[in-house]
N, C-alpha and C. Protein backbone atom coordinates (compact mmCIF):
# COMPACT_ATOMS: atom_id res chain seq x y z
N MET A 1 -13.53 196.79 -130.64
CA MET A 1 -13.14 198.19 -130.58
C MET A 1 -13.27 198.73 -129.16
N GLY A 2 -14.28 198.24 -128.45
CA GLY A 2 -14.49 198.70 -127.08
C GLY A 2 -13.37 198.30 -126.14
N TYR A 3 -12.82 197.10 -126.36
CA TYR A 3 -11.73 196.63 -125.51
C TYR A 3 -10.47 197.47 -125.72
N ILE A 4 -10.25 197.89 -126.94
CA ILE A 4 -9.09 198.74 -127.22
C ILE A 4 -9.25 200.09 -126.52
N PHE A 5 -10.47 200.64 -126.56
CA PHE A 5 -10.73 201.90 -125.88
C PHE A 5 -10.52 201.78 -124.38
N ILE A 6 -11.04 200.69 -123.79
CA ILE A 6 -10.87 200.49 -122.35
C ILE A 6 -9.39 200.32 -122.00
N PHE A 7 -8.67 199.59 -122.84
CA PHE A 7 -7.24 199.41 -122.58
C PHE A 7 -6.50 200.75 -122.66
N LEU A 8 -6.79 201.54 -123.69
CA LEU A 8 -6.10 202.83 -123.83
C LEU A 8 -6.50 203.81 -122.73
N LEU A 9 -7.74 203.77 -122.31
CA LEU A 9 -8.17 204.60 -121.18
C LEU A 9 -7.42 204.19 -119.90
N GLY A 10 -7.32 202.89 -119.67
CA GLY A 10 -6.58 202.40 -118.51
C GLY A 10 -5.11 202.76 -118.58
N PHE A 11 -4.54 202.67 -119.78
CA PHE A 11 -3.13 203.02 -119.94
C PHE A 11 -2.91 204.51 -119.64
N GLY A 12 -3.79 205.34 -120.14
CA GLY A 12 -3.67 206.78 -119.86
C GLY A 12 -3.80 207.10 -118.39
N LEU A 13 -4.75 206.46 -117.73
CA LEU A 13 -4.92 206.68 -116.29
C LEU A 13 -3.71 206.18 -115.51
N ALA A 14 -3.16 205.03 -115.89
CA ALA A 14 -1.99 204.49 -115.20
C ALA A 14 -0.78 205.40 -115.37
N VAL A 15 -0.60 205.93 -116.56
CA VAL A 15 0.52 206.85 -116.79
C VAL A 15 0.33 208.12 -115.97
N THR A 16 -0.87 208.66 -115.97
CA THR A 16 -1.14 209.87 -115.20
C THR A 16 -0.90 209.64 -113.71
N GLY A 17 -1.41 208.55 -113.18
CA GLY A 17 -1.22 208.25 -111.76
C GLY A 17 0.23 207.99 -111.42
N GLY A 18 0.93 207.26 -112.28
CA GLY A 18 2.35 206.98 -112.01
C GLY A 18 3.21 208.22 -112.03
N VAL A 19 2.97 209.09 -113.00
CA VAL A 19 3.74 210.33 -113.08
C VAL A 19 3.45 211.21 -111.87
N THR A 20 2.20 211.23 -111.44
CA THR A 20 1.83 212.04 -110.28
C THR A 20 2.52 211.51 -109.02
N ILE A 21 2.53 210.21 -108.84
CA ILE A 21 3.18 209.62 -107.66
C ILE A 21 4.68 209.91 -107.68
N ILE A 22 5.30 209.81 -108.85
CA ILE A 22 6.72 210.12 -108.96
C ILE A 22 6.97 211.60 -108.69
N ALA A 23 6.09 212.46 -109.20
CA ALA A 23 6.26 213.90 -108.96
C ALA A 23 6.13 214.23 -107.48
N TYR A 24 5.17 213.59 -106.80
CA TYR A 24 5.01 213.84 -105.37
C TYR A 24 6.16 213.26 -104.55
N SER A 25 6.93 212.34 -105.12
CA SER A 25 8.07 211.80 -104.38
C SER A 25 9.17 212.84 -104.18
N ASN A 26 9.06 213.97 -104.88
CA ASN A 26 10.00 215.05 -104.66
C ASN A 26 9.84 215.70 -103.29
N PHE A 27 8.75 215.39 -102.60
CA PHE A 27 8.57 215.90 -101.23
C PHE A 27 9.46 215.17 -100.23
N LEU A 28 9.94 213.98 -100.59
CA LEU A 28 10.78 213.21 -99.67
C LEU A 28 12.09 213.94 -99.32
N PRO A 29 12.81 214.51 -100.29
CA PRO A 29 14.02 215.25 -99.91
C PRO A 29 13.72 216.53 -99.13
N ALA A 30 12.47 216.98 -99.17
CA ALA A 30 12.10 218.20 -98.45
C ALA A 30 11.85 217.95 -96.98
N GLY A 31 11.94 216.69 -96.55
CA GLY A 31 11.83 216.41 -95.13
C GLY A 31 10.68 215.51 -94.74
N LEU A 32 9.85 215.05 -95.68
CA LEU A 32 8.78 214.13 -95.34
C LEU A 32 9.34 212.74 -95.13
N THR A 33 8.77 212.03 -94.18
CA THR A 33 9.14 210.63 -94.01
C THR A 33 8.29 209.79 -94.96
N TRP A 34 8.64 208.51 -95.09
CA TRP A 34 7.88 207.64 -95.98
C TRP A 34 6.44 207.49 -95.51
N ILE A 35 6.24 207.44 -94.20
CA ILE A 35 4.88 207.31 -93.66
C ILE A 35 4.06 208.55 -94.02
N GLU A 36 4.64 209.74 -93.83
CA GLU A 36 3.94 210.97 -94.17
C GLU A 36 3.68 211.06 -95.67
N TYR A 37 4.61 210.55 -96.48
CA TYR A 37 4.44 210.54 -97.92
C TYR A 37 3.26 209.67 -98.33
N PHE A 38 3.17 208.46 -97.77
CA PHE A 38 2.06 207.57 -98.12
C PHE A 38 0.73 208.11 -97.61
N ILE A 39 0.73 208.76 -96.46
CA ILE A 39 -0.50 209.40 -95.97
C ILE A 39 -0.91 210.54 -96.90
N PHE A 40 0.07 211.28 -97.40
CA PHE A 40 -0.22 212.39 -98.31
C PHE A 40 -0.81 211.89 -99.62
N ILE A 41 -0.19 210.87 -100.24
CA ILE A 41 -0.69 210.41 -101.53
C ILE A 41 -1.99 209.62 -101.38
N LYS A 42 -2.27 209.11 -100.18
CA LYS A 42 -3.54 208.43 -99.95
C LYS A 42 -4.71 209.41 -100.06
N GLY A 43 -4.47 210.66 -99.76
CA GLY A 43 -5.52 211.67 -99.81
C GLY A 43 -5.66 212.37 -101.14
N ARG A 44 -4.81 212.04 -102.11
CA ARG A 44 -4.86 212.70 -103.42
C ARG A 44 -5.58 211.80 -104.41
N ILE A 45 -6.64 212.30 -105.02
CA ILE A 45 -7.45 211.48 -105.92
C ILE A 45 -6.68 211.08 -107.17
N GLU A 46 -5.77 211.92 -107.66
CA GLU A 46 -5.05 211.59 -108.88
C GLU A 46 -4.07 210.44 -108.69
N CYS A 47 -3.73 210.12 -107.46
CA CYS A 47 -2.85 208.98 -107.22
C CYS A 47 -3.60 207.66 -107.33
N TYR A 48 -4.91 207.68 -107.25
CA TYR A 48 -5.71 206.48 -107.42
C TYR A 48 -5.88 206.11 -108.89
N PHE A 49 -5.45 206.97 -109.79
CA PHE A 49 -5.53 206.66 -111.22
C PHE A 49 -4.62 205.49 -111.59
N LEU A 50 -3.51 205.31 -110.89
CA LEU A 50 -2.58 204.22 -111.20
C LEU A 50 -3.24 202.85 -111.00
N PRO A 51 -3.79 202.53 -109.83
CA PRO A 51 -4.41 201.20 -109.70
C PRO A 51 -5.68 201.05 -110.54
N ILE A 52 -6.44 202.14 -110.72
CA ILE A 52 -7.63 202.06 -111.56
C ILE A 52 -7.22 201.76 -113.00
N GLY A 53 -6.16 202.40 -113.47
CA GLY A 53 -5.68 202.15 -114.83
C GLY A 53 -5.20 200.73 -115.01
N PHE A 54 -4.46 200.20 -114.02
CA PHE A 54 -4.03 198.80 -114.10
C PHE A 54 -5.23 197.86 -114.14
N LEU A 55 -6.25 198.17 -113.35
CA LEU A 55 -7.44 197.33 -113.32
C LEU A 55 -8.16 197.35 -114.67
N LEU A 56 -8.31 198.52 -115.26
CA LEU A 56 -8.96 198.61 -116.56
C LEU A 56 -8.17 197.86 -117.64
N MET A 57 -6.84 197.99 -117.61
CA MET A 57 -6.03 197.27 -118.59
C MET A 57 -6.15 195.76 -118.40
N ALA A 58 -6.17 195.30 -117.16
CA ALA A 58 -6.30 193.87 -116.89
C ALA A 58 -7.65 193.34 -117.36
N ILE A 59 -8.70 194.12 -117.14
CA ILE A 59 -10.03 193.72 -117.60
C ILE A 59 -10.06 193.64 -119.12
N ALA A 60 -9.50 194.63 -119.78
CA ALA A 60 -9.52 194.65 -121.25
C ALA A 60 -8.72 193.49 -121.82
N ILE A 61 -7.59 193.16 -121.21
CA ILE A 61 -6.77 192.06 -121.72
C ILE A 61 -7.43 190.71 -121.45
N SER A 62 -8.01 190.56 -120.27
CA SER A 62 -8.59 189.25 -119.92
C SER A 62 -9.89 188.96 -120.68
N ARG A 63 -10.62 189.98 -121.07
CA ARG A 63 -11.90 189.78 -121.74
C ARG A 63 -11.82 189.95 -123.26
N TYR A 64 -10.63 190.24 -123.77
CA TYR A 64 -10.49 190.41 -125.22
C TYR A 64 -10.75 189.09 -125.91
N PRO A 65 -11.61 189.08 -126.91
CA PRO A 65 -11.94 187.79 -127.55
C PRO A 65 -10.74 187.20 -128.27
N ASN A 66 -10.51 185.94 -128.05
CA ASN A 66 -9.39 185.23 -128.63
C ASN A 66 -9.91 184.37 -129.78
N ASN A 67 -9.36 184.53 -130.96
CA ASN A 67 -9.84 183.79 -132.13
C ASN A 67 -9.18 182.43 -132.31
N SER A 68 -8.19 182.11 -131.53
CA SER A 68 -7.51 180.82 -131.74
C SER A 68 -8.04 179.74 -130.83
């Protein structure tokens, strides 16, 4: 049960981080360069949810007990 919770927590964090990064990409047509965009999202804590979520999902999948 714990692995399912960790997986779902990671999935939620990954979705939140991905949506936030996509939403912030709307600054690109406003005149930001790609370098300025990456510097901007590097300073936003909610953008770190994407890699943290992927990491939690990978941990939950790799450590899930296999009965076969």
